[in-house]
N, C-alpha and C. Protein backbone atom coordinates (compact mmCIF):
# COMPACT_ATOMS: atom_id res chain seq x y z
N MET A 1 34.91 -63.33 -45.92
CA MET A 1 35.23 -62.24 -46.64
C MET A 1 36.36 -61.34 -45.82
N TYR A 2 36.36 -61.39 -44.58
CA TYR A 2 37.18 -60.80 -43.69
C TYR A 2 38.18 -61.83 -43.13
N SER A 3 39.46 -61.72 -43.41
CA SER A 3 40.44 -62.57 -42.97
C SER A 3 40.91 -62.25 -41.69
N ASP A 4 41.34 -63.33 -40.95
CA ASP A 4 41.77 -63.26 -39.27
C ASP A 4 43.17 -62.80 -39.60
N GLN A 5 44.00 -62.75 -40.80
CA GLN A 5 45.17 -62.10 -40.73
C GLN A 5 45.10 -60.69 -40.71
N TYR A 6 44.19 -59.98 -40.75
CA TYR A 6 44.08 -58.55 -40.92
C TYR A 6 43.53 -58.15 -39.48
N ARG A 7 43.79 -56.87 -39.15
CA ARG A 7 43.10 -56.14 -38.08
C ARG A 7 42.36 -55.17 -38.57
N TYR A 8 41.19 -54.92 -37.70
CA TYR A 8 40.31 -53.87 -38.37
C TYR A 8 39.96 -52.71 -37.41
N THR A 9 39.60 -51.38 -37.86
CA THR A 9 39.25 -50.27 -37.01
C THR A 9 37.68 -50.20 -37.15
N LYS A 10 37.23 -49.35 -36.25
CA LYS A 10 35.83 -49.02 -36.25
C LYS A 10 35.58 -47.89 -37.27
N GLU A 11 36.48 -47.28 -37.88
CA GLU A 11 36.49 -46.37 -39.02
C GLU A 11 36.48 -47.05 -40.33
N HIS A 12 36.71 -48.48 -40.30
CA HIS A 12 36.53 -49.34 -41.57
C HIS A 12 37.65 -49.42 -42.36
N GLU A 13 38.76 -49.27 -41.51
CA GLU A 13 40.15 -49.56 -42.25
C GLU A 13 40.73 -50.93 -41.83
N TRP A 14 41.69 -51.43 -42.63
CA TRP A 14 42.26 -52.72 -42.07
C TRP A 14 43.87 -52.44 -42.15
N VAL A 15 44.56 -53.32 -41.50
CA VAL A 15 46.07 -53.38 -41.64
C VAL A 15 46.30 -54.96 -41.55
N LEU A 16 47.45 -55.11 -42.51
CA LEU A 16 47.81 -56.51 -42.46
C LEU A 16 49.41 -56.23 -42.09
N VAL A 17 49.81 -56.89 -41.08
CA VAL A 17 51.27 -56.67 -40.68
C VAL A 17 52.07 -57.86 -41.13
N ASP A 18 53.10 -57.30 -41.68
CA ASP A 18 54.28 -58.34 -42.26
C ASP A 18 55.68 -57.84 -41.65
N GLY A 19 55.95 -58.44 -40.61
CA GLY A 19 57.39 -57.87 -40.03
C GLY A 19 57.19 -56.53 -39.44
N PRO A 20 58.05 -55.67 -39.85
CA PRO A 20 58.00 -54.30 -39.33
C PRO A 20 57.15 -53.39 -40.18
N THR A 21 56.31 -53.87 -41.15
CA THR A 21 55.45 -53.02 -42.08
C THR A 21 54.17 -53.47 -41.94
N GLY A 22 53.25 -52.50 -41.98
CA GLY A 22 51.81 -52.84 -42.11
C GLY A 22 51.16 -52.20 -43.37
N THR A 23 50.54 -53.13 -44.17
CA THR A 23 49.81 -52.76 -45.28
C THR A 23 48.35 -52.30 -44.99
N VAL A 24 47.96 -51.15 -45.39
CA VAL A 24 46.67 -50.42 -44.90
C VAL A 24 45.81 -50.32 -46.03
N GLY A 25 44.39 -50.63 -45.75
CA GLY A 25 43.37 -50.33 -46.85
C GLY A 25 42.00 -50.06 -46.15
N ILE A 26 41.04 -49.94 -46.88
CA ILE A 26 39.62 -49.78 -46.44
C ILE A 26 38.99 -51.17 -46.67
N THR A 27 38.01 -51.33 -45.95
CA THR A 27 37.38 -52.76 -45.94
C THR A 27 36.22 -52.89 -46.87
N HIS A 28 35.90 -53.96 -47.19
CA HIS A 28 34.78 -54.17 -48.14
C HIS A 28 33.61 -53.49 -47.92
N HIS A 29 33.26 -53.40 -46.42
CA HIS A 29 32.02 -52.70 -46.03
C HIS A 29 32.17 -51.36 -46.29
N ALA A 30 33.27 -50.59 -46.05
CA ALA A 30 33.52 -49.28 -46.44
C ALA A 30 33.36 -48.99 -47.81
N GLN A 31 33.83 -49.66 -48.80
CA GLN A 31 33.53 -49.29 -50.08
C GLN A 31 32.22 -49.62 -50.50
N SER A 32 31.43 -50.45 -50.04
CA SER A 32 30.13 -50.77 -50.39
C SER A 32 29.11 -49.72 -49.90
N GLU A 33 29.58 -49.13 -48.60
CA GLU A 33 28.74 -48.08 -48.15
C GLU A 33 29.11 -46.68 -48.97
N LEU A 34 30.19 -46.64 -49.51
CA LEU A 34 30.65 -45.41 -50.24
C LEU A 34 29.95 -45.43 -51.74
N GLY A 35 29.81 -46.50 -52.20
CA GLY A 35 29.54 -46.58 -53.65
C GLY A 35 30.56 -46.51 -54.62
N ASP A 36 30.36 -46.11 -55.71
CA ASP A 36 31.41 -45.98 -56.80
C ASP A 36 32.44 -44.85 -56.39
N ILE A 37 33.72 -45.38 -56.15
CA ILE A 37 34.76 -44.55 -55.69
C ILE A 37 35.38 -43.94 -56.98
N VAL A 38 35.49 -42.41 -56.84
CA VAL A 38 35.92 -41.67 -58.16
C VAL A 38 37.30 -41.01 -57.80
N TYR A 39 37.83 -41.07 -56.51
CA TYR A 39 39.06 -40.32 -56.45
C TYR A 39 39.56 -40.79 -54.92
N VAL A 40 40.91 -40.79 -54.94
CA VAL A 40 41.54 -41.24 -53.72
C VAL A 40 42.69 -40.24 -53.32
N ASP A 41 42.79 -39.77 -52.13
CA ASP A 41 43.86 -38.78 -51.74
C ASP A 41 44.63 -39.63 -50.71
N LEU A 42 45.97 -39.84 -51.12
CA LEU A 42 46.77 -40.55 -50.17
C LEU A 42 47.97 -39.86 -49.59
N PRO A 43 48.55 -40.08 -48.56
CA PRO A 43 49.66 -39.40 -48.06
C PRO A 43 50.90 -39.82 -49.02
N LYS A 44 51.95 -39.03 -48.90
CA LYS A 44 53.10 -39.37 -49.84
C LYS A 44 54.08 -40.16 -49.12
N ALA A 45 54.94 -40.93 -49.82
CA ALA A 45 55.94 -41.74 -49.01
C ALA A 45 56.91 -40.95 -48.14
N GLY A 46 57.24 -41.22 -47.09
CA GLY A 46 57.95 -40.48 -46.10
C GLY A 46 57.09 -39.73 -45.16
N ALA A 47 55.76 -39.53 -45.44
CA ALA A 47 54.83 -38.94 -44.53
C ALA A 47 54.68 -39.86 -43.20
N LEU A 48 54.68 -39.02 -42.04
CA LEU A 48 54.41 -39.61 -40.80
C LEU A 48 52.76 -39.85 -40.50
N VAL A 49 52.33 -40.99 -40.13
CA VAL A 49 50.97 -41.01 -39.92
C VAL A 49 50.79 -41.47 -38.26
N THR A 50 49.63 -41.12 -37.79
CA THR A 50 49.28 -41.52 -36.48
C THR A 50 48.10 -42.40 -36.39
N GLN A 51 48.06 -43.26 -35.52
CA GLN A 51 46.96 -44.17 -35.29
C GLN A 51 45.75 -43.18 -34.85
N GLY A 52 44.60 -43.43 -35.63
CA GLY A 52 43.29 -42.73 -35.25
C GLY A 52 43.27 -41.33 -35.94
N LYS A 53 44.31 -41.03 -36.59
CA LYS A 53 44.26 -39.51 -37.17
C LYS A 53 44.07 -39.79 -38.63
N ALA A 54 43.43 -38.69 -39.40
CA ALA A 54 43.21 -38.82 -40.87
C ALA A 54 44.51 -38.72 -41.62
N MET A 55 44.46 -39.57 -42.56
CA MET A 55 45.89 -39.62 -43.38
C MET A 55 45.64 -39.40 -44.92
N GLY A 56 44.36 -39.31 -45.18
CA GLY A 56 43.91 -39.06 -46.61
C GLY A 56 42.35 -39.12 -46.67
N SER A 57 41.82 -39.30 -47.94
CA SER A 57 40.43 -39.40 -48.22
C SER A 57 40.02 -40.14 -49.28
N VAL A 58 38.71 -40.60 -49.33
CA VAL A 58 38.28 -41.35 -50.58
C VAL A 58 37.00 -40.61 -50.91
N GLU A 59 36.85 -40.41 -52.27
CA GLU A 59 35.69 -39.55 -52.72
C GLU A 59 34.94 -40.56 -53.65
N SER A 60 33.50 -40.63 -53.24
CA SER A 60 32.64 -41.34 -54.17
C SER A 60 31.56 -40.53 -54.83
N VAL A 61 30.69 -41.26 -55.46
CA VAL A 61 29.67 -40.49 -55.95
C VAL A 61 28.66 -39.78 -54.89
N LYS A 62 28.88 -40.58 -53.87
CA LYS A 62 27.82 -40.23 -52.58
C LYS A 62 28.48 -39.10 -51.71
N ALA A 63 29.80 -39.37 -51.22
CA ALA A 63 30.31 -38.54 -50.40
C ALA A 63 31.89 -38.60 -50.42
N VAL A 64 32.60 -37.83 -49.41
CA VAL A 64 34.00 -37.81 -49.26
C VAL A 64 34.10 -38.32 -47.91
N SER A 65 35.03 -39.35 -47.64
CA SER A 65 35.29 -39.77 -46.31
C SER A 65 36.73 -39.83 -45.98
N ASP A 66 36.88 -39.44 -44.70
CA ASP A 66 38.46 -39.48 -44.44
C ASP A 66 38.87 -40.85 -44.27
N ILE A 67 40.06 -41.19 -44.23
CA ILE A 67 40.78 -42.43 -44.04
C ILE A 67 41.64 -42.21 -42.91
N TYR A 68 41.41 -43.07 -41.92
CA TYR A 68 42.16 -42.99 -40.75
C TYR A 68 43.06 -44.02 -40.40
N SER A 69 44.48 -43.71 -40.13
CA SER A 69 45.50 -44.71 -40.15
C SER A 69 45.23 -45.61 -38.84
N PRO A 70 45.26 -47.07 -39.20
CA PRO A 70 45.01 -47.88 -38.01
C PRO A 70 46.28 -47.99 -37.24
N VAL A 71 47.44 -47.58 -37.74
CA VAL A 71 48.80 -47.56 -36.97
C VAL A 71 49.48 -46.39 -37.08
N THR A 72 50.56 -46.27 -36.22
CA THR A 72 51.54 -45.06 -36.26
C THR A 72 52.77 -45.54 -36.98
N GLY A 73 53.32 -44.62 -37.82
CA GLY A 73 54.57 -44.77 -38.38
C GLY A 73 54.77 -44.13 -39.69
N GLU A 74 55.82 -44.44 -40.45
CA GLU A 74 56.21 -43.68 -41.51
C GLU A 74 55.58 -44.60 -42.81
N VAL A 75 55.07 -43.83 -43.89
CA VAL A 75 54.67 -44.32 -45.12
C VAL A 75 55.85 -44.67 -46.01
N VAL A 76 55.91 -45.90 -46.22
CA VAL A 76 57.03 -46.36 -47.11
C VAL A 76 56.72 -46.69 -48.50
N GLU A 77 55.51 -46.83 -48.84
CA GLU A 77 54.94 -47.05 -50.04
C GLU A 77 53.74 -46.58 -50.30
N VAL A 78 53.21 -46.14 -51.42
CA VAL A 78 51.84 -45.72 -51.72
C VAL A 78 51.46 -46.49 -53.03
N ASN A 79 50.15 -46.87 -53.00
CA ASN A 79 49.60 -47.66 -54.15
C ASN A 79 49.20 -46.60 -55.20
N ASN A 80 50.12 -46.34 -56.09
CA ASN A 80 49.79 -45.30 -57.06
C ASN A 80 48.90 -45.57 -58.07
N ALA A 81 48.58 -46.92 -58.25
CA ALA A 81 47.56 -47.28 -59.30
C ALA A 81 46.31 -46.84 -58.92
N LEU A 82 45.98 -46.48 -57.67
CA LEU A 82 44.67 -46.03 -57.32
C LEU A 82 44.42 -44.43 -57.65
N VAL A 83 45.44 -43.76 -58.10
CA VAL A 83 45.47 -42.47 -58.39
C VAL A 83 44.78 -42.39 -59.92
N THR A 84 45.12 -43.45 -60.69
CA THR A 84 44.61 -43.31 -62.12
C THR A 84 43.45 -44.27 -62.17
N ALA A 85 43.25 -45.26 -61.11
CA ALA A 85 42.17 -46.26 -61.38
C ALA A 85 41.50 -46.36 -59.81
N PRO A 86 40.90 -45.22 -59.35
CA PRO A 86 40.36 -45.36 -57.77
C PRO A 86 39.27 -46.46 -57.83
N GLU A 87 38.66 -46.83 -58.87
CA GLU A 87 37.48 -47.73 -58.83
C GLU A 87 38.03 -49.14 -58.49
N LYS A 88 39.34 -49.39 -58.34
CA LYS A 88 39.91 -50.67 -57.94
C LYS A 88 39.46 -50.81 -56.57
N LEU A 89 39.22 -49.85 -55.69
CA LEU A 89 38.82 -50.04 -54.36
C LEU A 89 37.37 -50.60 -54.24
N ASN A 90 36.71 -50.55 -55.24
CA ASN A 90 35.46 -51.08 -55.21
C ASN A 90 35.51 -52.54 -55.71
N GLU A 91 36.55 -52.78 -56.56
CA GLU A 91 36.72 -54.23 -56.89
C GLU A 91 37.56 -55.24 -56.18
N ASP A 92 38.52 -54.59 -55.42
CA ASP A 92 39.33 -55.53 -54.63
C ASP A 92 39.96 -54.90 -53.40
N PRO A 93 39.14 -54.25 -52.52
CA PRO A 93 39.64 -53.55 -51.34
C PRO A 93 40.37 -54.31 -50.31
N HIS A 94 40.43 -55.52 -50.23
CA HIS A 94 41.34 -56.13 -49.35
C HIS A 94 42.54 -56.94 -50.12
N GLY A 95 42.78 -56.52 -51.34
CA GLY A 95 43.78 -57.24 -52.14
C GLY A 95 44.67 -56.10 -52.79
N GLN A 96 44.38 -56.03 -54.13
CA GLN A 96 45.22 -55.14 -55.05
C GLN A 96 44.93 -53.74 -54.78
N ALA A 97 43.94 -53.33 -54.14
CA ALA A 97 43.64 -51.96 -53.93
C ALA A 97 43.85 -51.44 -52.47
N TRP A 98 45.16 -52.12 -51.83
CA TRP A 98 45.70 -51.66 -50.75
C TRP A 98 45.91 -50.12 -50.94
N LEU A 99 46.06 -49.25 -49.82
CA LEU A 99 46.29 -47.81 -49.94
C LEU A 99 47.73 -47.37 -49.71
N VAL A 100 48.35 -47.65 -48.57
CA VAL A 100 49.71 -47.41 -48.25
C VAL A 100 50.21 -48.59 -47.53
N LYS A 101 51.71 -48.53 -47.42
CA LYS A 101 52.49 -49.44 -46.56
C LYS A 101 53.14 -48.58 -45.51
N VAL A 102 53.17 -49.04 -44.15
CA VAL A 102 53.63 -48.18 -43.28
C VAL A 102 54.73 -48.93 -42.35
N LYS A 103 55.86 -48.29 -42.24
CA LYS A 103 56.77 -48.86 -41.21
C LYS A 103 56.32 -48.51 -39.83
N LEU A 104 56.07 -49.60 -39.07
CA LEU A 104 55.43 -49.33 -37.86
C LEU A 104 56.41 -48.88 -36.68
N SER A 105 55.92 -47.69 -35.98
CA SER A 105 56.76 -47.30 -34.96
C SER A 105 56.41 -47.90 -33.58
N SER A 106 55.03 -48.30 -33.57
CA SER A 106 54.57 -48.99 -32.32
C SER A 106 53.77 -50.12 -32.79
N PRO A 107 54.64 -51.19 -32.93
CA PRO A 107 53.76 -52.57 -33.51
C PRO A 107 52.66 -53.04 -32.50
N ASP A 108 52.82 -52.74 -31.20
CA ASP A 108 51.90 -53.20 -30.30
C ASP A 108 50.33 -52.52 -30.39
N GLU A 109 50.47 -51.43 -31.10
CA GLU A 109 49.12 -50.77 -31.43
C GLU A 109 48.10 -51.72 -32.03
N VAL A 110 48.65 -52.64 -32.96
CA VAL A 110 47.88 -53.41 -33.58
C VAL A 110 47.00 -54.42 -32.70
N ASN A 111 47.58 -54.68 -31.53
CA ASN A 111 46.76 -55.57 -30.55
C ASN A 111 45.55 -55.17 -30.19
N GLY A 112 45.46 -53.54 -30.19
CA GLY A 112 44.13 -52.96 -29.87
C GLY A 112 43.04 -52.97 -30.88
N LEU A 113 43.33 -53.27 -32.19
CA LEU A 113 42.49 -53.48 -33.21
C LEU A 113 41.60 -54.62 -33.19
N MET A 114 40.40 -54.49 -33.99
CA MET A 114 39.46 -55.66 -33.89
C MET A 114 39.99 -56.84 -34.76
N SER A 115 39.70 -58.10 -34.44
CA SER A 115 39.80 -59.13 -35.09
C SER A 115 38.69 -59.32 -36.05
N ALA A 116 38.71 -60.18 -37.17
CA ALA A 116 37.88 -60.37 -38.21
C ALA A 116 36.56 -60.51 -37.50
N SER A 117 36.33 -61.52 -36.57
CA SER A 117 35.01 -62.00 -36.00
C SER A 117 34.59 -60.63 -35.30
N ASP A 118 35.50 -59.82 -34.54
CA ASP A 118 34.91 -58.73 -33.84
C ASP A 118 34.32 -57.57 -34.93
N TYR A 119 35.07 -57.40 -35.90
CA TYR A 119 34.63 -56.46 -37.03
C TYR A 119 33.56 -56.88 -37.70
N GLN A 120 33.26 -58.25 -38.01
CA GLN A 120 32.05 -58.75 -38.61
C GLN A 120 30.85 -58.52 -37.56
N SER A 121 31.13 -58.54 -36.27
CA SER A 121 30.10 -58.30 -35.21
C SER A 121 29.68 -56.82 -35.22
N TYR A 122 30.78 -55.97 -35.47
CA TYR A 122 30.62 -54.64 -35.26
C TYR A 122 29.78 -53.96 -36.44
N ILE A 123 30.03 -54.70 -37.50
CA ILE A 123 29.25 -54.09 -38.76
C ILE A 123 27.97 -54.88 -39.04
N GLY A 124 27.68 -55.88 -38.06
CA GLY A 124 26.48 -56.54 -38.28
C GLY A 124 26.42 -57.66 -39.23
N ALA A 125 27.55 -58.09 -39.85
CA ALA A 125 27.65 -59.14 -40.90
C ALA A 125 27.51 -60.42 -40.12
N SER A 126 27.02 -61.49 -40.86
CA SER A 126 26.93 -62.77 -40.39
C SER A 126 28.08 -63.64 -40.66
């Protein structure tokens, strides 16, 4: 379920780095804990995000949770499909339901994030 191509945070976000850009999303574990997602608040393209700082939120029928950026940089693309269909986060959190794409200003930050096996141990998955 958790790909070795991705890096993970303790706040349950993932980043997939492709050259100078990182695609960011929330993990399957996060969406399953949240339950049915009804609203997503994302930063606009051009916004600056900082590793470990809130960059938006996800609202479910249970709670509102902040989304923390796993990397520092500039938002270059936003997944606008989630504005009209936030439930996609429940269906495909590691694929079509990515949140934003960030032009990395400090690519080495990714080295401090968890690998798939580290994340699975962290959440107690087998």
